[in-house]
Amino acid sequence: MLLVQQELLAALALALDGLSPGSSAKAAFESPKVAAHGDLAVTAAMQLAKPLKLNPRQVAESLRTALLASPAFQRWVDSVEIAGPGFLNLRLKPAAKQEVVREVLAAGDAFGHQAATGQRVLVEFVSANPTGPLHVGHGRQAALGDAICNLFETQGWSVHREFYYNDAGVQIGTLATSTQMRAKGLKPGDAGWPEAAYNGDYIQDIAQDFLAGKTVTSDDRSFTASGQVDDLDGMREFAVAYLRREQDLDLRAFDVRFDQYYLESSLYTSGRVDRAVQTLQEAGKTYEQDGALWLKSTDYGDDKDRVMRKSDGSYTYFVPDVAYHLTKWERGFHKVINIQGTDHHGTIARVRAGLQAASAHLQLGVPVGYPDYVLHTMVRVMRGGEEVKISKRAGSYVTLRDLIEWTSKDAVRFFLLSRKPDTEYVFDIDLALAQNNDNPVYYVQYAHARICSVLQREGLWVDGRVLSSELQAVDLAALDTAPAQTLMLQLARYPAMLSAAAQDFAPHDVTFYLRELAAAYHSYYDAERILVDDVTVKRARLALVAATAQVLHNGLAVLGVSAPQSM
């Protein structure tokens, strides 16, 4: 059906150009708001009416006549109706809708994917400092970041996944002190236990392994403990490596990977922070006041100027962010997406202000809206109608690994992606464990498994894959019923849905689509027997459900969720 739409779009563009030379750019199809109005809608007549000084319905009538005369419309379109002030509603012939089945079976895992564009995008996400286990909010960020990466890959982008963290700040100092206190035999509640210390059981584990002289290795570092209780620097290095390894275990359990880990400390040791500050000074975008160095961020739309360097000589937290994003641009990533919590909202304007000031001075050409941000809210966890707040592992919050262990990786991913990032989300453990239609991930996965069982019965599912080659050439004429056509139209929506979801950084759209596709399949299954005696009809229906299984599999893969063969 994609090729069908391309043919029809070309015919529409030609017809529009005939009515008004140069108007072919207005060629576009929309989905009617009411399904009964048709399969595709055209609004171009209303757009042309004013420049042509004609009534929109007159333009619509002329356009309709031109379209019906085109070979593509004669081949694929059953009727073109004028509605309302000048809409054109198109009803496709069954053969047009059936084409999507062949397209899906031919493309397989690549259905919905666009050709490589040569464009690069860097997505920064999770970026948790190594001070404790990853919490559920980090989990939401991991799911969002990974799904957005997958979406951009479907659109032909080369995607770079980056994890940025501070390995040398105040929090890391607190981590080292907390570990040392545990190593000396103190615990939370004891006299002398620091008020700002970290209280989770994991601190005791770090201390014990340090005293034992163990070696810990994470994805980006390795360190061997000295075992000396007074070795605070060594304890800091060991604790960072230990918790980075714990984070890696969390992320592996979640099937999330990164191409690069970028250290905030490297921005200082390499001199990048100092160079960024110097650049802003040379650009005339800073001033001294009350012993501090300020950025004229109001010149770039911020509500007030911001302190860059405090009176004690230390930099505020947005300054290394400016330096970091200058490195992203210099590395050739001219499209950057940052996935962060809503608590970072206040930093956006000042980071962009610093980038614009530096860019203008260095003539880098950084666009005004660089980088893009996706902000997400935190997650509440419920079980048995009550909120779960405490984790023994972390001491004060529910960890990502807790949630995976209590439910499953698939449930956590699907649930955390099922709402817009900036909306509050309540994770219901009981719902995630339910094996019924109220559980959205179960509902979608069951549709896939249900199809697999049918295909297995017919010998069309081997080694975890459908034998699509045996179904591509079947006669699809029997797929002319309303339930079949509804299902095929849903399949045809998939590529455009992916493109829109990528453009809007909206993986939740994929979850909505999969639930709608699963509903269309379940309705089809209930309406029509697949394994009928008529071989021609049976093969056509098997081809349709096999294509449905493929699209369910592809969509779940974008979310990082498995497509089980049985349930």
Protein backbone atom coordinates (compact mmCIF):
# COMPACT_ATOMS: atom_id res chain seq x y z
CA MET A 1 0.00 0.00 0.00
CA LEU A 2 2.97 2.28 0.43
CA LEU A 3 3.75 2.06 -3.26
CA VAL A 4 0.05 2.60 -3.95
CA GLN A 5 0.07 5.78 -1.88
CA GLN A 6 3.19 6.99 -3.67
CA GLU A 7 1.50 6.49 -7.05
CA LEU A 8 -1.62 8.27 -5.86
CA LEU A 9 0.44 11.10 -4.35
CA ALA A 10 2.28 11.60 -7.64
CA ALA A 11 -1.07 11.73 -9.48
CA LEU A 12 -2.39 14.24 -6.93
CA ALA A 13 0.71 16.44 -7.32
CA LEU A 14 0.29 16.40 -11.11
CA ALA A 15 -3.40 17.29 -10.86
CA LEU A 16 -2.71 20.17 -8.47
CA ASP A 17 -0.01 21.53 -10.75
CA GLY A 18 -2.53 21.44 -13.58
CA LEU A 19 -4.99 23.53 -11.59
CA SER A 20 -2.39 25.96 -10.29
CA PRO A 21 1.20 25.72 -11.59
CA GLY A 22 3.67 25.30 -8.72
CA SER A 23 1.12 23.94 -6.25
CA SER A 24 2.29 20.33 -6.37
CA ALA A 25 3.96 20.85 -2.96
CA LYS A 26 0.48 20.89 -1.44
CA ALA A 27 -0.02 17.24 -2.39
CA ALA A 28 -0.67 15.32 0.80
CA PHE A 29 -3.05 12.74 2.21
CA GLU A 30 -4.64 12.78 5.64
CA SER A 31 -6.56 10.16 7.55
CA PRO A 32 -10.26 11.05 7.80
CA LYS A 33 -11.32 11.76 11.38
CA VAL A 34 -14.29 9.44 10.89
CA ALA A 35 -13.48 6.06 9.36
CA ALA A 36 -16.85 5.93 7.57
CA HIS A 37 -15.81 8.97 5.49
CA GLY A 38 -13.18 6.97 3.58
CA ASP A 39 -9.60 5.80 3.68
CA LEU A 40 -7.72 8.98 2.68
CA ALA A 41 -8.59 12.67 2.67
CA VAL A 42 -7.30 15.62 0.61
CA THR A 43 -7.58 19.24 1.82
CA ALA A 44 -5.63 20.91 -1.02
CA ALA A 45 -8.78 22.31 -2.68
CA MET A 46 -9.40 24.60 0.28
CA GLN A 47 -5.78 25.75 0.22
CA LEU A 48 -6.01 26.66 -3.49
CA ALA A 49 -9.40 28.34 -3.36
CA LYS A 50 -8.18 31.75 -2.19
CA PRO A 51 -5.27 32.19 -4.64
CA LEU A 52 -7.52 30.93 -7.48
CA LYS A 53 -10.38 33.20 -6.28
CA LEU A 54 -12.83 30.33 -6.53
CA ASN A 55 -15.22 28.59 -4.18
CA PRO A 56 -13.44 25.64 -2.46
CA ARG A 57 -16.08 23.18 -3.66
CA GLN A 58 -15.55 24.39 -7.25
CA VAL A 59 -11.82 23.69 -6.88
CA ALA A 60 -12.63 20.33 -5.28
CA GLU A 61 -14.84 19.40 -8.25
CA SER A 62 -12.13 20.28 -10.76
CA LEU A 63 -9.56 18.37 -8.76
CA ARG A 64 -11.86 15.36 -8.46
CA THR A 65 -12.36 15.27 -12.24
CA ALA A 66 -8.60 15.40 -12.85
CA LEU A 67 -7.88 12.68 -10.30
CA LEU A 68 -10.49 10.28 -11.64
CA ALA A 69 -8.96 10.63 -15.10
CA SER A 70 -5.50 9.55 -13.88
CA PRO A 71 -4.40 5.91 -14.40
CA ALA A 72 -3.30 5.55 -10.77
CA PHE A 73 -6.70 6.59 -9.40
CA GLN A 74 -8.49 4.38 -11.91
CA ARG A 75 -6.40 1.43 -10.78
CA TRP A 76 -6.47 1.89 -7.01
CA VAL A 77 -9.37 4.17 -6.02
CA ASP A 78 -12.98 3.08 -5.78
CA SER A 79 -14.51 6.54 -5.32
CA VAL A 80 -13.65 10.21 -4.71
CA GLU A 81 -16.32 12.16 -2.83
CA ILE A 82 -16.58 15.87 -2.08
CA ALA A 83 -17.53 16.63 1.51
CA GLY A 84 -18.01 19.67 3.70
CA PRO A 85 -16.44 22.93 2.49
CA GLY A 86 -14.17 21.19 -0.02
CA PHE A 87 -12.67 17.99 1.40
CA LEU A 88 -12.01 15.09 -0.94
CA ASN A 89 -12.57 11.69 0.63
CA LEU A 90 -11.01 8.73 -1.15
CA ARG A 91 -12.16 5.13 -0.84
CA LEU A 92 -9.53 2.64 -1.94
CA LYS A 93 -10.22 -0.58 -3.77
CA PRO A 94 -9.58 -3.75 -1.76
CA ALA A 95 -6.61 -4.53 -4.04
CA ALA A 96 -4.94 -1.29 -2.95
CA LYS A 97 -5.20 -2.19 0.72
CA GLN A 98 -4.03 -5.74 0.07
CA GLU A 99 -0.71 -4.52 -1.31
CA VAL A 100 0.52 -3.75 2.20
CA VAL A 101 0.51 -7.47 3.01
CA ARG A 102 2.99 -8.16 0.21
CA GLU A 103 5.12 -5.17 1.21
CA VAL A 104 5.37 -6.29 4.84
CA LEU A 105 6.22 -9.87 3.95
CA ALA A 106 8.84 -8.74 1.43
CA ALA A 107 10.52 -6.23 3.77
CA GLY A 108 10.35 -8.31 6.97
CA ASP A 109 12.27 -6.69 9.84
CA ALA A 110 13.00 -3.67 7.63
CA PHE A 111 9.34 -2.80 7.03
CA GLY A 112 8.83 0.81 8.03
CA HIS A 113 12.54 1.61 7.85
CA GLN A 114 13.89 4.40 5.67
CA ALA A 115 17.09 4.29 3.63
CA ALA A 116 20.29 5.59 5.22
CA THR A 117 20.38 9.39 5.18
CA GLY A 118 24.02 9.95 6.12
CA GLN A 119 22.84 12.09 9.06
CA ARG A 120 24.20 11.62 12.58
CA VAL A 121 22.50 12.15 15.91
CA LEU A 122 23.89 11.94 19.44
CA VAL A 123 21.44 10.94 22.14
CA GLU A 124 22.56 11.52 25.72
CA PHE A 125 20.53 9.67 28.33
CA VAL A 126 20.63 8.15 31.81
CA SER A 127 23.84 10.06 32.67
CA ALA A 128 23.53 9.10 36.34
CA ASN A 129 26.37 9.99 38.66
CA PRO A 130 27.85 6.81 40.22
CA THR A 131 26.56 7.42 43.74
CA GLY A 132 23.99 4.63 44.04
CA PRO A 133 21.82 2.15 42.13
CA LEU A 134 19.73 3.42 39.24
CA HIS A 135 16.27 4.47 40.41
CA VAL A 136 12.98 4.11 38.54
CA GLY A 137 13.37 7.62 37.10
CA HIS A 138 16.65 6.52 35.53
CA GLY A 139 14.71 3.55 34.18
CA ARG A 140 12.18 5.82 32.50
CA GLN A 141 15.05 7.78 31.01
CA ALA A 142 16.81 4.61 29.82
CA ALA A 143 13.64 3.36 28.14
CA LEU A 144 12.98 6.75 26.54
CA GLY A 145 16.53 7.25 25.32
CA ASP A 146 16.90 3.77 23.89
CA ALA A 147 13.52 3.89 22.13
CA ILE A 148 14.26 7.33 20.65
CA CYS A 149 17.60 5.95 19.39
CA ASN A 150 15.77 3.01 17.81
CA LEU A 151 13.23 5.35 16.21
CA PHE A 152 15.96 7.44 14.61
CA GLU A 153 17.67 4.29 13.34
CA THR A 154 14.43 3.30 11.58
CA GLN A 155 14.57 6.68 9.82
CA GLY A 156 18.03 6.08 8.40
CA TRP A 157 20.06 8.06 10.96
CA SER A 158 23.41 6.97 12.36
CA VAL A 159 22.85 7.04 16.14
CA HIS A 160 25.48 7.56 18.85
CA ARG A 161 24.42 6.68 22.42
CA GLU A 162 26.26 8.62 25.13
CA PHE A 163 26.33 8.42 28.95
CA TYR A 164 27.75 11.51 30.72
CA TYR A 165 28.60 11.50 34.39
CA ASN A 166 30.54 13.33 37.09
CA ASP A 167 33.20 11.20 38.73
CA ALA A 168 34.77 13.90 40.89
CA GLY A 169 32.13 16.24 42.37
CA VAL A 170 30.72 16.86 45.86
CA GLN A 171 28.44 13.80 45.61
CA ILE A 172 31.43 11.59 44.84
CA GLY A 173 33.20 13.00 47.89
CA THR A 174 30.16 12.09 50.00
CA LEU A 175 30.23 8.58 48.49
CA ALA A 176 33.88 8.14 49.48
CA THR A 177 33.25 9.41 53.01
CA SER A 178 30.21 7.15 53.43
CA THR A 179 32.25 4.14 52.29
CA GLN A 180 35.08 5.00 54.68
CA MET A 181 32.67 5.28 57.61
CA ARG A 182 31.31 1.81 56.83
CA ALA A 183 34.86 0.47 56.49
CA LYS A 184 35.58 1.79 59.99
CA GLY A 185 32.60 -0.09 61.36
CA LEU A 186 30.05 2.72 61.58
CA LYS A 187 26.53 2.47 60.20
CA PRO A 188 23.53 4.81 59.76
CA GLY A 189 22.21 5.90 63.15
CA ASP A 190 25.54 5.54 64.95
CA ALA A 191 27.15 8.49 66.67
CA GLY A 192 29.55 10.11 64.24
CA TRP A 193 27.64 8.98 61.15
CA PRO A 194 27.57 11.99 58.75
CA GLU A 195 24.14 13.48 58.17
CA ALA A 196 24.78 13.84 54.40
CA ALA A 197 26.05 10.27 54.00
CA TYR A 198 24.48 7.62 51.76
CA ASN A 199 22.60 5.04 53.86
CA GLY A 200 21.83 2.15 51.49
CA ASP A 201 23.12 -1.37 52.09
CA TYR A 202 25.20 -1.08 48.93
CA ILE A 203 27.65 1.20 50.78
CA GLN A 204 28.45 -1.66 53.18
CA ASP A 205 29.04 -3.97 50.20
CA ILE A 206 31.48 -1.47 48.67
CA ALA A 207 33.35 -1.10 51.97
CA GLN A 208 33.68 -4.86 52.45
CA ASP A 209 34.98 -5.43 48.94
CA PHE A 210 37.43 -2.54 49.32
CA LEU A 211 38.85 -3.96 52.55
CA ALA A 212 39.14 -7.34 50.81
CA GLY A 213 41.35 -5.76 48.11
CA LYS A 214 39.05 -6.74 45.27
CA THR A 215 39.19 -5.52 41.66
CA VAL A 216 36.05 -4.14 40.05
CA THR A 217 35.59 -3.60 36.33
CA SER A 218 32.83 -1.65 34.60
CA ASP A 219 32.28 -0.82 30.94
CA ASP A 220 34.51 2.22 31.15
CA ARG A 221 36.94 1.71 34.07
CA SER A 222 38.68 -0.79 36.36
CA PHE A 223 40.21 -0.37 39.82
CA THR A 224 41.89 -2.56 42.43
CA ALA A 225 41.36 -1.67 46.09
CA SER A 226 44.32 -1.15 48.40
CA GLY A 227 42.40 -2.49 51.40
CA GLN A 228 43.68 0.41 53.54
CA VAL A 229 40.91 2.07 55.54
CA ASP A 230 42.66 5.49 55.43
CA ASP A 231 43.05 5.44 51.63
CA LEU A 232 40.21 7.88 50.94
CA ASP A 233 41.29 8.64 47.35
CA GLY A 234 41.53 4.94 46.57
CA MET A 235 38.15 4.39 48.20
CA ARG A 236 36.65 7.09 45.98
CA GLU A 237 38.08 5.49 42.82
CA PHE A 238 36.96 2.03 43.93
CA ALA A 239 33.44 3.18 44.84
CA VAL A 240 33.00 4.91 41.47
CA ALA A 241 34.14 1.80 39.59
CA TYR A 242 31.95 -0.40 41.83
CA LEU A 243 28.81 1.64 41.23
CA ARG A 244 29.52 2.06 37.54
CA ARG A 245 29.60 -1.76 37.39
CA GLU A 246 26.28 -1.89 39.26
CA GLN A 247 24.80 0.57 36.78
CA ASP A 248 26.09 -1.59 33.93
CA LEU A 249 24.33 -4.60 35.44
CA ASP A 250 21.11 -2.58 35.70
CA LEU A 251 21.40 -1.46 32.09
CA ARG A 252 22.23 -4.95 30.81
CA ALA A 253 19.16 -6.29 32.59
CA PHE A 254 17.28 -3.58 30.70
CA ASP A 255 19.04 -4.33 27.38
CA VAL A 256 20.45 -0.80 27.12
CA ARG A 257 23.92 -0.14 25.71
CA PHE A 258 26.09 2.92 25.16
CA ASP A 259 28.71 3.80 22.58
CA GLN A 260 30.62 6.16 24.86
CA TYR A 261 30.93 7.21 28.49
CA TYR A 262 31.95 10.84 28.85
CA LEU A 263 33.44 12.09 32.13
CA GLU A 264 32.66 15.57 33.43
CA SER A 265 36.09 15.58 35.08
CA SER A 266 37.71 15.31 31.63
CA LEU A 267 36.23 18.68 30.71
CA TYR A 268 38.29 20.22 33.50
CA THR A 269 41.50 18.21 33.08
CA SER A 270 41.52 18.89 29.33
CA GLY A 271 41.02 22.62 29.90
CA ARG A 272 37.73 22.67 27.98
CA VAL A 273 35.82 24.38 30.77
CA ASP A 274 38.41 27.14 31.10
CA ARG A 275 38.50 27.60 27.31
CA ALA A 276 34.70 27.86 27.17
CA VAL A 277 34.74 30.54 29.89
CA GLN A 278 37.53 32.41 28.13
CA THR A 279 35.57 32.30 24.86
CA LEU A 280 32.50 33.82 26.53
CA GLN A 281 34.65 36.54 28.09
CA GLU A 282 36.28 37.35 24.76
CA ALA A 283 32.81 37.49 23.19
CA GLY A 284 31.87 40.26 25.66
CA LYS A 285 29.04 38.17 27.11
CA THR A 286 30.22 38.14 30.74
CA TYR A 287 30.66 40.66 33.56
CA GLU A 288 31.96 40.75 37.12
CA GLN A 289 29.60 41.51 40.00
CA ASP A 290 29.82 40.79 43.75
CA GLY A 291 33.01 38.82 43.22
CA ALA A 292 31.32 36.47 40.76
CA LEU A 293 31.48 36.06 36.99
CA TRP A 294 28.08 36.33 35.25
CA LEU A 295 26.81 35.27 31.83
CA LYS A 296 24.58 37.75 29.97
CA SER A 297 22.06 35.00 29.33
CA THR A 298 19.23 37.58 29.09
CA ASP A 299 20.70 38.51 25.71
CA TYR A 300 19.45 35.09 24.55
CA GLY A 301 16.00 35.02 26.09
CA ASP A 302 16.76 33.84 29.64
CA ASP A 303 14.69 35.47 32.39
CA LYS A 304 17.83 36.66 34.23
CA ASP A 305 21.59 36.60 33.93
CA ARG A 306 23.33 33.59 35.47
CA VAL A 307 26.40 33.17 37.67
CA MET A 308 29.14 31.22 35.89
CA ARG A 309 31.92 31.38 38.46
CA LYS A 310 31.11 31.86 42.11
CA SER A 311 33.07 34.12 44.45
CA ASP A 312 34.96 31.07 45.78
CA GLY A 313 36.29 30.39 42.26
CA SER A 314 34.18 27.28 41.55
CA TYR A 315 32.00 27.04 38.46
CA THR A 316 28.24 26.62 38.57
CA TYR A 317 26.90 23.38 37.14
CA PHE A 318 25.75 24.74 33.76
CA VAL A 319 29.26 25.89 32.76
CA PRO A 320 30.69 22.39 32.14
CA ASP A 321 27.42 21.65 30.29
CA VAL A 322 28.24 24.46 27.86
CA ALA A 323 31.76 23.08 27.39
CA TYR A 324 30.39 19.56 26.95
CA HIS A 325 27.94 20.61 24.24
CA LEU A 326 30.65 22.49 22.42
CA THR A 327 32.50 19.15 22.24
CA LYS A 328 29.39 17.48 20.84
CA TRP A 329 29.23 20.05 18.04
CA GLU A 330 32.97 19.82 17.40
CA ARG A 331 32.67 16.02 17.15
CA GLY A 332 30.30 16.51 14.24
CA PHE A 333 27.01 15.87 16.03
CA HIS A 334 24.85 18.67 14.68
CA LYS A 335 21.72 16.92 15.92
CA VAL A 336 21.75 16.26 19.66
CA ILE A 337 18.95 15.06 21.93
CA ASN A 338 19.27 15.16 25.72
CA ILE A 339 16.94 13.01 27.82
CA GLN A 340 16.74 14.50 31.31
CA GLY A 341 14.42 14.87 34.28
CA THR A 342 12.11 17.87 34.54
CA ASP A 343 14.35 19.22 37.31
CA HIS A 344 16.79 20.18 34.53
CA HIS A 345 14.27 22.54 32.93
CA GLY A 346 15.97 25.61 34.33
CA THR A 347 19.31 24.76 32.74
CA ILE A 348 18.08 24.71 29.15
CA ALA A 349 18.00 28.47 28.58
CA ARG A 350 21.41 29.10 30.16
CA VAL A 351 23.12 26.22 28.32
CA ARG A 352 21.71 27.40 25.00
CA ALA A 353 22.67 30.98 25.83
CA GLY A 354 26.26 29.95 26.49
CA LEU A 355 26.34 27.92 23.28
CA GLN A 356 24.98 30.79 21.19
CA ALA A 357 27.46 33.27 22.65
CA ALA A 358 30.40 30.91 22.07
CA SER A 359 29.18 29.93 18.62
CA ALA A 360 28.86 33.54 17.46
CA HIS A 361 32.37 34.35 18.67
CA LEU A 362 33.96 31.23 17.17
CA GLN A 363 31.72 31.28 14.09
CA LEU A 364 30.60 27.68 14.65
CA GLY A 365 27.07 28.05 13.29
CA VAL A 366 25.33 26.29 16.20
CA PRO A 367 21.55 26.68 15.64
CA VAL A 368 19.43 28.51 18.21
CA GLY A 369 17.51 25.45 19.38
CA TYR A 370 20.58 23.29 19.89
CA PRO A 371 20.45 20.84 21.63
CA ASP A 372 16.97 19.32 21.72
CA TYR A 373 15.65 18.28 25.13
CA VAL A 374 13.17 15.60 26.18
CA LEU A 375 12.21 16.09 29.83
CA HIS A 376 10.48 13.43 31.86
CA THR A 377 8.76 13.30 35.22
CA MET A 378 9.51 10.80 37.96
CA VAL A 379 7.63 7.54 38.46
CA ARG A 380 5.52 6.40 41.42
CA VAL A 381 5.40 2.65 42.09
CA MET A 382 2.22 1.04 43.44
CA ARG A 383 1.54 -2.47 44.73
CA GLY A 384 -1.68 -3.63 46.31
CA GLY A 385 -3.06 -0.11 46.11
CA GLU A 386 -0.22 1.36 48.17
CA GLU A 387 2.85 3.29 47.09
CA VAL A 388 6.20 1.48 47.33
CA LYS A 389 8.91 3.94 48.37
CA ILE A 390 11.68 2.00 50.07
CA SER A 391 14.25 -0.38 48.66
CA LYS A 392 16.65 -2.25 50.96
CA ARG A 393 19.20 -2.11 48.14
CA ALA A 394 19.09 1.68 47.84
CA GLY A 395 17.87 2.68 51.27
CA SER A 396 15.39 5.33 50.19
CA TYR A 397 14.02 4.65 46.70
CA VAL A 398 12.87 1.87 44.38
CA THR A 399 15.63 0.85 41.98
CA LEU A 400 15.32 -0.06 38.34
CA ARG A 401 16.54 -3.57 39.10
CA ASP A 402 13.89 -3.95 41.81
CA LEU A 403 11.20 -3.16 39.27
CA ILE A 404 12.62 -5.59 36.68
CA GLU A 405 12.90 -8.36 39.27
CA TRP A 406 9.35 -7.76 40.56
CA THR A 407 7.83 -7.77 37.05
CA SER A 408 9.87 -8.18 33.85
CA LYS A 409 12.09 -6.19 31.52
CA ASP A 410 9.35 -6.15 28.89
CA ALA A 411 6.70 -4.85 31.26
CA VAL A 412 8.97 -2.13 32.66
CA ARG A 413 9.94 -0.90 29.19
CA PHE A 414 6.43 -0.92 27.75
CA PHE A 415 4.84 0.67 30.82
CA LEU A 416 7.45 3.43 31.17
CA LEU A 417 7.04 4.29 27.47
CA SER A 418 3.25 4.24 27.44
CA ARG A 419 2.79 7.90 28.44
CA LYS A 420 4.20 11.19 27.23
CA PRO A 421 7.51 11.78 29.02
CA ASP A 422 6.36 14.98 30.74
CA THR A 423 3.24 13.40 32.29
CA GLU A 424 3.18 11.82 35.72
CA TYR A 425 3.24 8.05 35.65
CA VAL A 426 2.16 5.48 38.20
CA PHE A 427 3.70 2.04 37.70
CA ASP A 428 1.21 -0.56 38.92
CA ILE A 429 3.10 -3.76 39.76
CA ASP A 430 -0.11 -5.79 40.02
CA LEU A 431 -1.20 -4.68 36.54
CA ALA A 432 2.25 -5.45 35.10
CA LEU A 433 1.92 -9.04 36.40
CA ALA A 434 -1.66 -9.55 35.22
CA GLN A 435 -2.20 -11.95 32.33
CA ASN A 436 -5.29 -10.35 30.87
CA ASN A 437 -6.31 -7.69 28.37
CA ASP A 438 -6.03 -4.92 30.96
CA ASN A 439 -2.24 -5.35 30.86
CA PRO A 440 -1.20 -3.51 27.65
CA VAL A 441 2.10 -5.34 27.09
CA TYR A 442 0.44 -8.71 27.66
CA TYR A 443 -2.34 -7.71 25.24
CA VAL A 444 0.12 -6.85 22.46
CA GLN A 445 2.47 -9.78 23.07
CA TYR A 446 -0.46 -12.20 23.20
CA ALA A 447 -1.57 -11.05 19.75
CA HIS A 448 1.87 -11.94 18.40
CA ALA A 449 1.95 -15.30 20.19
CA ARG A 450 -1.58 -16.09 19.01
CA ILE A 451 -0.53 -15.59 15.39
CA CYS A 452 2.62 -17.66 15.86
CA SER A 453 0.57 -20.62 17.09
CA VAL A 454 -1.60 -20.46 13.94
CA LEU A 455 1.45 -20.23 11.66
CA GLN A 456 3.21 -23.07 13.51
CA ARG A 457 0.18 -25.29 12.94
CA GLU A 458 0.53 -24.70 9.21
CA GLY A 459 4.29 -25.19 9.14
CA LEU A 460 4.87 -21.52 8.34
CA TRP A 461 6.82 -20.65 11.49
CA VAL A 462 10.30 -22.16 11.62
CA ASP A 463 13.25 -21.21 13.85
CA GLY A 464 11.43 -18.25 15.25
CA ARG A 465 10.62 -16.71 11.87
CA VAL A 466 7.67 -16.76 9.48
CA LEU A 467 8.32 -18.39 6.10
CA SER A 468 7.24 -15.23 4.32
CA SER A 469 8.54 -16.39 0.93
CA GLU A 470 5.78 -18.99 0.84
CA LEU A 471 3.11 -16.35 1.36
CA GLN A 472 4.28 -13.40 -0.75
CA ALA A 473 2.76 -14.69 -3.99
CA VAL A 474 -0.61 -15.88 -2.66
CA ASP A 475 -3.89 -14.57 -4.09
CA LEU A 476 -5.11 -11.89 -1.66
CA ALA A 477 -8.48 -11.25 -3.33
CA ALA A 478 -10.31 -12.94 -0.44
CA LEU A 479 -9.17 -10.15 1.89
CA ASP A 480 -12.10 -7.97 0.93
CA THR A 481 -14.12 -8.05 4.15
CA ALA A 482 -14.44 -5.10 6.54
CA PRO A 483 -12.40 -6.71 9.39
CA ALA A 484 -9.59 -7.63 6.97
CA GLN A 485 -9.51 -4.18 5.43
CA THR A 486 -9.47 -2.52 8.85
CA LEU A 487 -6.46 -4.63 9.81
CA MET A 488 -4.64 -3.87 6.55
CA LEU A 489 -5.19 -0.13 6.96
CA GLN A 490 -3.62 -0.40 10.42
CA LEU A 491 -0.59 -2.16 8.94
CA ALA A 492 -0.26 0.56 6.32
CA ARG A 493 -0.13 3.25 9.05
CA TYR A 494 3.06 1.84 10.57
CA PRO A 495 5.78 3.59 8.49
CA ALA A 496 4.20 7.05 8.79
CA MET A 497 3.63 6.50 12.50
CA LEU A 498 7.34 5.70 12.95
CA SER A 499 8.41 8.82 11.07
CA ALA A 500 6.10 11.04 13.13
CA ALA A 501 7.17 9.41 16.40
CA ALA A 502 10.84 10.01 15.58
CA GLN A 503 10.21 13.63 14.60
CA ASP A 504 8.29 14.30 17.81
CA PHE A 505 10.57 12.24 20.12
CA ALA A 506 7.42 10.28 20.98
CA PRO A 507 7.94 6.54 21.56
CA HIS A 508 4.60 6.54 23.40
CA ASP A 509 3.01 6.81 19.94
CA VAL A 510 4.48 3.38 19.16
CA THR A 511 2.80 1.88 22.25
CA PHE A 512 -0.54 3.43 21.24
CA TYR A 513 -0.17 2.09 17.71
CA LEU A 514 0.70 -1.43 18.87
CA ARG A 515 -2.35 -1.55 21.12
CA GLU A 516 -4.55 -0.43 18.22
CA LEU A 517 -2.96 -2.99 15.88
CA ALA A 518 -3.41 -5.75 18.47
CA ALA A 519 -7.06 -4.72 18.90
CA ALA A 520 -7.59 -4.81 15.12
CA TYR A 521 -6.05 -8.29 14.98
CA HIS A 522 -8.09 -9.66 17.90
CA SER A 523 -11.24 -8.28 16.25
CA TYR A 524 -10.26 -9.89 12.96
CA TYR A 525 -9.53 -13.23 14.64
CA ASP A 526 -12.91 -13.18 16.36
CA ALA A 527 -14.73 -12.26 13.13
CA GLU A 528 -13.14 -14.67 10.66
CA ARG A 529 -11.77 -18.19 10.93
CA ILE A 530 -8.28 -18.37 9.48
CA LEU A 531 -7.87 -22.12 8.98
CA VAL A 532 -10.84 -22.70 6.64
CA ASP A 533 -11.27 -25.49 4.14
CA ASP A 534 -10.94 -23.24 1.10
CA VAL A 535 -7.17 -23.28 0.50
CA THR A 536 -7.12 -19.98 -1.41
CA VAL A 537 -8.97 -18.14 1.35
CA LYS A 538 -6.89 -19.81 4.06
CA ARG A 539 -3.59 -18.82 2.43
CA ALA A 540 -4.75 -15.22 1.99
CA ARG A 541 -5.73 -15.00 5.66
CA LEU A 542 -2.48 -16.64 6.74
CA ALA A 543 -0.56 -14.03 4.72
CA LEU A 544 -2.50 -11.24 6.45
CA VAL A 545 -1.89 -12.51 9.97
CA ALA A 546 1.76 -13.25 9.17
CA ALA A 547 2.18 -9.62 8.06
CA THR A 548 0.48 -8.53 11.28
CA ALA A 549 2.89 -10.61 13.37
CA GLN A 550 5.81 -9.02 11.52
CA VAL A 551 4.64 -5.47 12.23
CA LEU A 552 3.94 -6.32 15.88
CA HIS A 553 7.46 -7.73 16.11
CA ASN A 554 8.98 -4.66 14.45
CA GLY A 555 7.11 -2.21 16.67
CA LEU A 556 7.98 -4.08 19.86
CA ALA A 557 11.64 -4.13 18.77
CA VAL A 558 11.61 -0.32 18.55
CA LEU A 559 10.53 -0.27 22.21
CA GLY A 560 13.10 -2.90 23.19
CA VAL A 561 10.33 -5.36 24.07
CA SER A 562 10.35 -9.02 23.02
CA ALA A 563 7.78 -10.63 20.72
CA PRO A 564 7.14 -14.06 22.28
CA GLN A 565 6.13 -17.04 20.15
CA SER A 566 4.02 -18.57 22.88
CA MET A 567 2.42 -17.40 26.13
